Amino acid sequence: MIDEQTRTWLESLGSLDVRPGALAGVVVVDVTRVVAGPYCSMILADLGATVIKVEHPDDPDYTRTFPPLLEREGAPELSGFFAQYNRNKLGLTLNMRHPDGRRTLERLVEKADVLVENFRPGTMERLGVGYDRLREVNPRLVYAALSGYGQHGPYRGRPAYDNSAQATGGLWSMNGPAGGPPIRVGTIIGDLGASLYGVIGVLAALRHAEHTGEGQLVDISQQDSVLTLTENAVVSYTTDGTIPQPLGNQHPFVRPYELFACADGFVFFGGYTDKFWKISCEIFGEPGEYDAHPDLQKMAVRFDEDVYRTRVKPMVDRWFADRTKAELEQLAGDLVPLSAVKDIGEVVADPQIAARDMIVDADYAGYGSLRTFGSPVKLDRTPPRARGLAPDMGEHSAEILRGFVGLGDDEIAALSESGTI
């Protein structure tokens, strides 16, 4: 935990929002890049941790060049992608390949609570700052390692991206149109899932460290993370040998529960229980439609594939064909599960999203306002801080080394001259 001297230093940084948060006092050294890792540490930062983002002075996080890009005259372009995943962090440049860089990292770790890295297993060890070494420096350190396949196993050394995890975790094989080829999930779910599990692991390990003074390795695999997102696929296979196939927008054992076309787009409709089916017939159908089809009143009948295909789905298609998304949502109200399928523009303008403060503005001087997603974690006593800025490269290097590590100005100057920072 940070000492009083460090707290005073943090509060002196006018550019940093240091309102108390649930993780206030926790210091995180973040040596990650791209998404699986930066997102993990961003969540910790949103929750109040002091996160120090470490980048190589000559090889920064390359998402700094990812679109969309904000422009300011006489200054480098600012990546909205980078800013979204690195808000609320302090920026430090450090060449960990240089002996002085390794020693400086160890001095950072000596006072920190958490280190997060997402290199291929073995990389930190080759640099001389792997878990075993850093555990000697700080026995209470929580060391979170996010990688494609984890720190052990036959795939340990393989390079991996999000698509690698979707492919080897089983999710890709299940997704796509019925009878068609598999299609990857349309977002980096392997990266994001690993980051979320990384946060859970860090919080659990921090609790243990606070009680015992003992840190530990938090080993997160993207493949593992994706596997846990495959719903009932594992138990279906291990129980009766069923291998899930792409089903398009349908559910394997619930009907109706899928995408339906309407006058101006598509909606999701999930009125499959007997209760919801009766209400749906009453609010969407013709008068007396429910009683006109007594054999469809039982869930088991509607589940039958032929009955669903020839009678139930055509009925729902007819209900929705001439109505807009807004009309259908208004009719459904709080009565049955029906949701408009919204594009991201509609989501950003959604009143529920606004009510939940899920689109936030951050003012980057000279660049203008950047709107990003907020925090889905709602805490009434220590709310997350989701409006912070991402640091420029090395923006806080001198302040961190002076105020947190305790280096003198001559030592900092020497590190700068040697290219270590």
Protein backbone atom coordinates (compact mmCIF):
# COMPACT_ATOMS: atom_id res chain seq x y z
CA MET A 1 0.00 0.00 0.00
CA ILE A 2 1.20 3.56 -0.63
CA ASP A 3 2.83 5.42 2.22
CA GLU A 4 2.02 8.96 3.27
CA GLN A 5 4.88 10.42 1.23
CA THR A 6 3.62 8.73 -1.91
CA ARG A 7 0.04 9.78 -1.22
CA THR A 8 1.15 13.39 -0.88
CA TRP A 9 2.98 13.09 -4.18
CA LEU A 10 -0.06 11.66 -5.95
CA GLU A 11 -2.27 14.43 -4.64
CA SER A 12 0.23 16.98 -5.96
CA LEU A 13 -0.27 15.76 -9.53
CA GLY A 14 -2.86 18.17 -10.83
CA SER A 15 -3.41 16.11 -13.99
CA LEU A 16 -4.46 13.02 -12.05
CA ASP A 17 -7.91 12.43 -10.58
CA VAL A 18 -7.17 11.04 -7.13
CA ARG A 19 -10.64 10.88 -5.62
CA PRO A 20 -10.93 7.96 -3.23
CA GLY A 21 -11.99 4.75 -4.91
CA ALA A 22 -12.57 1.18 -3.82
CA LEU A 23 -8.95 0.36 -4.71
CA ALA A 24 -7.44 3.61 -3.42
CA GLY A 25 -3.95 2.90 -2.11
CA VAL A 26 -3.32 -0.04 -4.45
CA VAL A 27 -0.38 0.59 -6.80
CA VAL A 28 -0.26 -1.33 -10.11
CA VAL A 29 2.74 -1.54 -12.43
CA ASP A 30 1.32 -2.10 -15.92
CA VAL A 31 3.78 -3.44 -18.52
CA THR A 32 1.07 -4.55 -20.95
CA ARG A 33 0.16 -3.45 -24.45
CA VAL A 34 -2.74 -3.62 -26.94
CA VAL A 35 -5.96 -4.79 -25.14
CA ALA A 36 -5.54 -8.01 -23.14
CA GLY A 37 -3.79 -6.41 -20.20
CA PRO A 38 -4.39 -2.67 -20.73
CA TYR A 39 -8.14 -3.29 -20.28
CA CYS A 40 -7.46 -5.25 -17.09
CA SER A 41 -5.34 -2.46 -15.61
CA MET A 42 -7.80 0.19 -16.87
CA ILE A 43 -10.58 -1.40 -14.83
CA LEU A 44 -8.32 -1.40 -11.78
CA ALA A 45 -7.54 2.28 -12.44
CA ASP A 46 -11.24 3.11 -12.82
CA LEU A 47 -11.80 1.51 -9.42
CA GLY A 48 -9.25 3.79 -7.79
CA ALA A 49 -5.90 2.00 -8.10
CA THR A 50 -2.81 4.04 -9.02
CA VAL A 51 -1.71 2.46 -12.31
CA ILE A 52 1.74 3.20 -13.76
CA LYS A 53 1.82 2.32 -17.46
CA VAL A 54 5.34 1.33 -18.48
CA GLU A 55 6.34 1.63 -22.16
CA HIS A 56 9.66 1.14 -23.90
CA PRO A 57 10.97 4.61 -24.89
CA ASP A 58 11.64 3.44 -28.47
CA ASP A 59 8.85 0.88 -28.80
CA PRO A 60 5.64 2.17 -27.21
CA ASP A 61 2.27 0.45 -27.10
CA TYR A 62 1.47 0.33 -30.81
CA THR A 63 -2.22 0.98 -30.23
CA ARG A 64 -1.13 4.62 -29.93
CA THR A 65 -1.42 4.58 -33.74
CA PHE A 66 -4.79 2.78 -33.94
CA PRO A 67 -7.83 4.65 -35.31
CA PRO A 68 -9.87 6.65 -34.64
CA LEU A 69 -7.30 9.45 -34.43
CA LEU A 70 -7.80 12.91 -32.95
CA GLU A 71 -5.69 15.72 -34.35
CA ARG A 72 -4.15 18.82 -32.80
CA GLU A 73 -1.98 21.31 -34.66
CA GLY A 74 1.69 20.88 -33.86
CA ALA A 75 1.18 17.69 -31.85
CA PRO A 76 1.10 13.95 -32.59
CA GLU A 77 -2.23 12.35 -33.37
CA LEU A 78 -4.09 10.94 -30.37
CA SER A 79 -5.54 7.45 -30.71
CA GLY A 80 -9.05 7.15 -29.32
CA PHE A 81 -8.50 3.39 -29.17
CA PHE A 82 -5.42 3.81 -26.96
CA ALA A 83 -7.08 6.48 -24.83
CA GLN A 84 -10.11 4.30 -24.13
CA TYR A 85 -8.05 1.43 -22.69
CA ASN A 86 -5.44 3.51 -20.87
CA ARG A 87 -7.43 6.18 -19.08
CA ASN A 88 -6.61 7.07 -15.49
CA LYS A 89 -3.02 5.83 -15.80
CA LEU A 90 0.34 7.48 -15.20
CA GLY A 91 2.87 7.23 -18.03
CA LEU A 92 6.45 6.02 -17.53
CA THR A 93 8.99 5.06 -20.20
CA LEU A 94 11.48 2.36 -19.24
CA ASN A 95 13.79 0.11 -21.26
CA MET A 96 13.65 -3.17 -19.33
CA ARG A 97 16.37 -4.63 -21.58
CA HIS A 98 18.88 -2.18 -20.08
CA PRO A 99 20.41 -3.20 -16.74
CA ASP A 100 19.42 0.15 -15.22
CA GLY A 101 15.91 -0.38 -16.58
CA ARG A 102 15.62 -3.75 -14.86
CA ARG A 103 16.90 -2.28 -11.60
CA THR A 104 14.43 0.59 -11.88
CA LEU A 105 11.55 -1.82 -12.50
CA GLU A 106 12.56 -3.76 -9.40
CA ARG A 107 12.53 -0.55 -7.37
CA LEU A 108 9.03 0.16 -8.69
CA VAL A 109 7.88 -3.36 -7.82
CA GLU A 110 9.42 -3.13 -4.36
CA LYS A 111 6.76 -0.55 -3.42
CA ALA A 112 3.91 -1.76 -5.65
CA ASP A 113 1.07 -4.16 -4.93
CA VAL A 114 0.41 -5.56 -8.42
CA LEU A 115 2.24 -6.09 -11.69
CA VAL A 116 0.30 -6.91 -14.86
CA GLU A 117 2.03 -8.22 -17.99
CA ASN A 118 0.79 -9.84 -21.19
CA PHE A 119 3.96 -11.02 -22.89
CA ARG A 120 4.40 -14.52 -24.25
CA PRO A 121 5.42 -16.84 -21.37
CA GLY A 122 9.16 -16.70 -20.76
CA THR A 123 9.66 -13.12 -22.00
CA MET A 124 9.85 -11.50 -18.57
CA GLU A 125 12.18 -14.29 -17.40
CA ARG A 126 14.54 -13.63 -20.32
CA LEU A 127 14.59 -9.97 -19.30
CA GLY A 128 15.56 -11.02 -15.78
CA VAL A 129 12.35 -9.73 -14.19
CA GLY A 130 10.08 -12.78 -14.21
CA TYR A 131 7.80 -13.76 -11.36
CA ASP A 132 10.39 -15.70 -9.39
CA ARG A 133 12.79 -12.74 -9.40
CA LEU A 134 10.14 -10.12 -8.60
CA ARG A 135 8.76 -12.29 -5.80
CA GLU A 136 12.19 -12.04 -4.18
CA VAL A 137 12.04 -8.26 -4.52
CA ASN A 138 8.51 -8.05 -3.06
CA PRO A 139 7.05 -11.21 -1.47
CA ARG A 140 3.58 -9.66 -1.29
CA LEU A 141 3.47 -8.81 -5.02
CA VAL A 142 0.43 -9.97 -6.99
CA TYR A 143 1.87 -10.85 -10.40
CA ALA A 144 -0.82 -11.13 -13.11
CA ALA A 145 0.31 -12.77 -16.35
CA LEU A 146 -2.19 -12.75 -19.25
CA SER A 147 -1.25 -14.82 -22.29
CA GLY A 148 -2.71 -16.83 -25.14
CA TYR A 149 -2.40 -20.27 -23.58
CA GLY A 150 -1.18 -19.73 -20.02
CA GLN A 151 2.11 -20.22 -18.23
CA HIS A 152 2.24 -24.02 -18.61
CA GLY A 153 1.04 -26.70 -21.03
CA PRO A 154 2.10 -27.85 -24.53
CA TYR A 155 0.89 -24.62 -26.21
CA ARG A 156 2.65 -22.35 -23.69
CA GLY A 157 5.11 -20.85 -26.16
CA ARG A 158 2.79 -20.34 -29.12
CA PRO A 159 2.07 -16.80 -30.31
CA ALA A 160 -1.60 -15.97 -29.96
CA TYR A 161 -4.17 -13.35 -30.82
CA ASP A 162 -7.83 -13.05 -29.95
CA ASN A 163 -8.70 -15.21 -32.97
CA SER A 164 -6.37 -17.91 -31.65
CA ALA A 165 -8.39 -18.08 -28.45
CA GLN A 166 -11.73 -18.08 -30.26
CA ALA A 167 -10.47 -20.92 -32.47
CA THR A 168 -8.91 -23.13 -29.77
CA GLY A 169 -11.45 -22.33 -27.05
CA GLY A 170 -14.36 -23.74 -29.08
CA LEU A 171 -16.34 -20.54 -29.54
CA TRP A 172 -15.56 -20.03 -33.22
CA SER A 173 -16.84 -23.51 -34.12
CA MET A 174 -20.24 -22.73 -32.58
CA ASN A 175 -20.85 -19.32 -34.10
CA GLY A 176 -22.30 -18.58 -37.53
CA PRO A 177 -25.38 -19.27 -39.65
CA ALA A 178 -27.14 -22.60 -39.31
CA GLY A 179 -25.68 -25.01 -41.85
CA GLY A 180 -22.94 -22.55 -42.78
CA PRO A 181 -19.27 -22.14 -41.94
CA PRO A 182 -18.14 -20.98 -38.50
CA ILE A 183 -17.82 -17.21 -38.03
CA ARG A 184 -15.73 -15.50 -35.37
CA VAL A 185 -17.56 -13.50 -32.72
CA GLY A 186 -17.58 -9.92 -33.94
CA THR A 187 -15.44 -8.49 -31.14
CA ILE A 188 -12.17 -9.40 -29.44
CA ILE A 189 -13.89 -11.58 -26.86
CA GLY A 190 -10.70 -13.56 -26.10
CA ASP A 191 -8.80 -10.40 -25.18
CA LEU A 192 -11.68 -8.88 -23.27
CA GLY A 193 -12.57 -12.09 -21.44
CA ALA A 194 -8.97 -12.59 -20.33
CA SER A 195 -8.83 -9.01 -19.05
CA LEU A 196 -12.00 -9.46 -17.02
CA TYR A 197 -10.77 -12.71 -15.50
CA GLY A 198 -7.48 -10.95 -14.85
CA VAL A 199 -9.27 -8.35 -12.74
CA ILE A 200 -11.09 -11.08 -10.80
CA GLY A 201 -7.83 -12.92 -10.17
CA VAL A 202 -6.02 -9.77 -9.07
CA LEU A 203 -8.77 -8.82 -6.63
CA ALA A 204 -8.82 -12.32 -5.13
CA ALA A 205 -5.03 -12.38 -4.82
CA LEU A 206 -4.98 -8.90 -3.28
CA ARG A 207 -7.40 -10.01 -0.59
CA HIS A 208 -5.15 -12.97 0.20
CA ALA A 209 -2.06 -10.74 0.26
CA GLU A 210 -3.70 -8.26 2.60
CA HIS A 211 -4.50 -11.04 5.08
CA THR A 212 -1.25 -13.01 4.82
CA GLY A 213 1.42 -10.72 3.33
CA GLU A 214 1.88 -13.35 0.63
CA GLY A 215 1.60 -12.49 -3.04
CA GLN A 216 1.04 -14.99 -5.82
CA LEU A 217 0.99 -15.58 -9.58
CA VAL A 218 -2.33 -14.93 -11.34
CA ASP A 219 -2.11 -17.02 -14.53
CA ILE A 220 -4.79 -16.11 -17.11
CA SER A 221 -5.12 -17.82 -20.50
CA GLN A 222 -7.18 -16.42 -23.36
CA GLN A 223 -8.02 -19.97 -24.46
CA ASP A 224 -9.23 -20.83 -20.94
CA SER A 225 -11.28 -17.65 -20.80
CA VAL A 226 -13.03 -18.32 -24.12
CA LEU A 227 -13.80 -21.92 -23.14
CA THR A 228 -15.80 -20.70 -20.14
CA LEU A 229 -17.93 -18.55 -22.47
CA THR A 230 -19.29 -21.49 -24.47
CA GLU A 231 -22.41 -21.87 -22.26
CA ASN A 232 -23.53 -25.51 -22.13
CA ALA A 233 -21.20 -26.82 -24.85
CA VAL A 234 -18.86 -28.71 -22.53
CA VAL A 235 -21.54 -30.50 -20.51
CA SER A 236 -23.51 -31.31 -23.67
CA TYR A 237 -20.45 -33.04 -25.10
CA THR A 238 -19.28 -34.77 -21.91
CA THR A 239 -22.81 -35.93 -21.06
CA ASP A 240 -24.17 -37.20 -24.36
CA GLY A 241 -21.47 -36.59 -26.97
CA THR A 242 -23.23 -33.66 -28.65
CA ILE A 243 -20.88 -31.27 -30.49
CA PRO A 244 -22.58 -27.86 -30.84
CA GLN A 245 -22.82 -26.54 -34.39
CA PRO A 246 -23.51 -23.01 -35.63
CA LEU A 247 -27.18 -22.16 -35.11
CA GLY A 248 -27.32 -18.62 -36.44
CA ASN A 249 -29.61 -16.58 -34.25
CA GLN A 250 -31.49 -19.53 -32.78
CA HIS A 251 -31.10 -21.11 -29.36
CA PRO A 252 -30.44 -24.86 -29.10
CA PHE A 253 -33.44 -25.64 -26.88
CA VAL A 254 -35.56 -22.49 -26.52
CA ARG A 255 -38.15 -21.27 -29.09
CA PRO A 256 -39.09 -18.59 -30.01
CA TYR A 257 -35.81 -17.00 -28.94
CA GLU A 258 -34.04 -15.37 -31.86
CA LEU A 259 -33.79 -12.53 -34.34
CA PHE A 260 -36.90 -11.40 -36.19
CA ALA A 261 -37.23 -8.86 -38.98
CA CYS A 262 -39.52 -5.86 -38.61
CA ALA A 263 -40.40 -2.79 -40.68
CA ASP A 264 -37.16 -0.89 -40.05
CA GLY A 265 -34.66 -3.52 -38.91
CA PHE A 266 -34.57 -6.39 -36.48
CA VAL A 267 -35.57 -7.25 -32.94
CA PHE A 268 -34.71 -9.98 -30.50
CA PHE A 269 -37.83 -11.72 -29.18
CA GLY A 270 -37.74 -14.33 -26.43
CA GLY A 271 -41.36 -15.07 -25.59
CA TYR A 272 -40.94 -18.81 -25.15
CA THR A 273 -42.53 -19.57 -21.76
CA ASP A 274 -46.25 -20.36 -21.61
CA LYS A 275 -46.83 -17.10 -19.76
CA PHE A 276 -44.89 -15.00 -22.26
CA TRP A 277 -46.48 -16.78 -25.22
CA LYS A 278 -49.99 -15.97 -24.01
CA ILE A 279 -49.13 -12.31 -23.42
CA SER A 280 -47.41 -12.10 -26.81
CA CYS A 281 -50.45 -13.44 -28.62
CA GLU A 282 -52.59 -10.86 -26.84
CA ILE A 283 -50.44 -7.79 -27.47
CA PHE A 284 -49.06 -8.58 -30.95
CA GLY A 285 -51.61 -10.94 -32.51
CA GLU A 286 -55.15 -10.65 -33.77
CA PRO A 287 -57.97 -10.70 -31.20
CA GLY A 288 -58.58 -14.26 -30.05
CA GLU A 289 -55.37 -15.56 -31.65
CA TYR A 290 -54.22 -17.32 -28.47
CA ASP A 291 -57.46 -19.27 -28.10
CA ALA A 292 -57.54 -20.01 -31.82
CA HIS A 293 -54.44 -22.20 -31.48
CA PRO A 294 -54.94 -24.23 -28.28
CA ASP A 295 -52.34 -26.82 -29.30
CA LEU A 296 -49.63 -24.11 -29.30
CA GLN A 297 -50.33 -23.11 -25.72
CA LYS A 298 -47.90 -25.68 -24.32
CA MET A 299 -44.19 -25.03 -24.40
CA ALA A 300 -43.29 -28.58 -25.40
CA VAL A 301 -45.34 -28.30 -28.59
CA ARG A 302 -43.82 -24.96 -29.57
CA PHE A 303 -40.34 -26.44 -29.03
CA ASP A 304 -40.92 -29.07 -31.72
CA GLU A 305 -38.73 -28.10 -34.64
CA ASP A 306 -41.34 -28.74 -37.35
CA VAL A 307 -44.11 -26.98 -35.42
CA TYR A 308 -41.84 -24.03 -34.76
CA ARG A 309 -40.70 -23.78 -38.38
CA THR A 310 -44.13 -24.16 -40.00
CA ARG A 311 -46.45 -22.48 -37.50
CA VAL A 312 -44.82 -20.52 -34.66
CA LYS A 313 -42.14 -18.60 -36.53
CA PRO A 314 -44.48 -17.59 -39.40
CA MET A 315 -46.93 -16.29 -36.79
CA VAL A 316 -44.26 -14.15 -35.12
CA ASP A 317 -42.95 -12.98 -38.50
CA ARG A 318 -46.45 -11.78 -39.34
CA TRP A 319 -46.79 -9.95 -36.01
CA PHE A 320 -43.59 -7.98 -36.55
CA ALA A 321 -43.42 -7.41 -40.32
CA ASP A 322 -45.27 -4.09 -40.50
CA ARG A 323 -44.22 -2.64 -37.15
CA THR A 324 -41.09 -0.63 -36.39
CA LYS A 325 -38.57 -1.43 -33.70
CA ALA A 326 -39.89 1.44 -31.57
CA GLU A 327 -43.51 0.30 -31.97
CA LEU A 328 -42.65 -3.26 -30.99
CA GLU A 329 -40.62 -2.15 -27.97
CA GLN A 330 -43.49 0.06 -26.85
CA LEU A 331 -46.00 -2.78 -27.21
CA ALA A 332 -43.75 -5.21 -25.35
CA GLY A 333 -42.94 -2.71 -22.61
CA ASP A 334 -42.28 -4.53 -19.34
CA LEU A 335 -44.46 -7.47 -20.35
CA VAL A 336 -42.35 -9.69 -22.62
CA PRO A 337 -38.66 -9.87 -23.59
CA LEU A 338 -38.27 -7.92 -26.82
CA SER A 339 -35.34 -5.69 -27.68
CA ALA A 340 -34.51 -3.69 -30.77
CA VAL A 341 -31.23 -4.72 -32.39
CA LYS A 342 -29.40 -1.40 -32.28
CA ASP A 343 -26.35 -0.23 -34.14
CA ILE A 344 -23.67 1.52 -32.11
CA GLY A 345 -25.03 4.96 -33.01
CA GLU A 346 -28.40 4.00 -31.57
CA VAL A 347 -26.71 2.54 -28.50
CA VAL A 348 -24.76 5.74 -27.82
CA ALA A 349 -28.05 7.68 -27.99
CA ASP A 350 -29.99 5.13 -25.92
CA PRO A 351 -31.72 6.69 -22.87
CA GLN A 352 -30.95 3.64 -20.72
CA ILE A 353 -27.25 3.93 -21.59
CA ALA A 354 -27.42 7.63 -20.66
CA ALA A 355 -29.19 6.88 -17.39
CA ARG A 356 -26.43 4.42 -16.50
CA ASP A 357 -23.65 6.93 -17.38
CA MET A 358 -22.21 4.48 -19.89
CA ILE A 359 -20.97 7.06 -22.40
CA VAL A 360 -18.49 9.44 -20.81
CA ASP A 361 -16.61 12.47 -22.05
CA ALA A 362 -12.93 13.20 -21.49
CA ASP A 363 -11.49 16.57 -22.50
CA TYR A 364 -8.09 16.31 -24.19
CA ALA A 365 -6.76 19.85 -24.41
CA GLY A 366 -6.44 20.92 -28.02
CA TYR A 367 -7.83 17.66 -29.35
CA GLY A 368 -11.38 18.16 -28.11
CA SER A 369 -13.69 15.84 -26.28
CA LEU A 370 -13.34 12.08 -26.59
CA ARG A 371 -16.43 9.99 -25.85
CA THR A 372 -15.80 6.43 -24.69
CA PHE A 373 -17.68 3.73 -22.82
CA GLY A 374 -18.05 4.22 -19.08
CA SER A 375 -17.77 1.67 -16.30
CA PRO A 376 -20.43 -1.04 -15.93
CA VAL A 377 -19.42 -1.46 -12.27
CA LYS A 378 -21.75 0.67 -10.17
CA LEU A 379 -20.65 1.26 -6.57
CA ASP A 380 -22.72 3.64 -4.48
CA ARG A 381 -20.00 4.47 -1.92
CA THR A 382 -16.89 4.47 -4.10
CA PRO A 383 -18.06 4.97 -7.69
CA PRO A 384 -15.54 4.26 -10.47
CA ARG A 385 -13.84 7.18 -12.17
CA ALA A 386 -14.35 6.65 -15.87
CA ARG A 387 -13.60 10.14 -17.20
CA GLY A 388 -9.83 10.15 -16.73
CA LEU A 389 -7.25 10.80 -19.43
CA ALA A 390 -4.69 8.45 -20.93
CA PRO A 391 -1.08 9.57 -20.46
CA ASP A 392 1.26 10.85 -23.11
CA MET A 393 4.30 8.63 -23.57
CA GLY A 394 6.41 9.00 -20.45
CA GLU A 395 4.34 11.94 -19.29
CA HIS A 396 4.93 11.22 -15.60
CA SER A 397 8.34 9.53 -15.77
CA ALA A 398 10.27 12.08 -13.72
CA GLU A 399 7.48 12.50 -11.17
CA ILE A 400 7.12 8.72 -10.68
CA LEU A 401 10.84 8.11 -10.34
CA ARG A 402 11.27 11.06 -7.97
CA GLY A 403 8.09 10.84 -5.90
CA PHE A 404 7.40 7.09 -5.84
CA VAL A 405 10.72 5.34 -6.41
CA GLY A 406 12.74 7.98 -4.58
CA LEU A 407 15.41 8.74 -7.18
CA GLY A 408 17.31 12.00 -7.17
CA ASP A 409 17.43 14.41 -10.08
CA ASP A 410 20.97 13.31 -11.01
CA GLU A 411 19.87 9.65 -11.14
CA ILE A 412 16.88 10.51 -13.32
CA ALA A 413 19.09 12.55 -15.64
CA ALA A 414 21.51 9.63 -15.96
CA LEU A 415 18.68 7.26 -16.87
CA SER A 416 17.51 9.72 -19.52
CA GLU A 417 20.98 10.14 -20.99
CA SER A 418 21.48 6.36 -21.24
CA GLY A 419 18.14 5.92 -23.06
CA THR A 420 16.75 3.86 -20.18
CA ILE A 421 13.75 6.21 -19.84
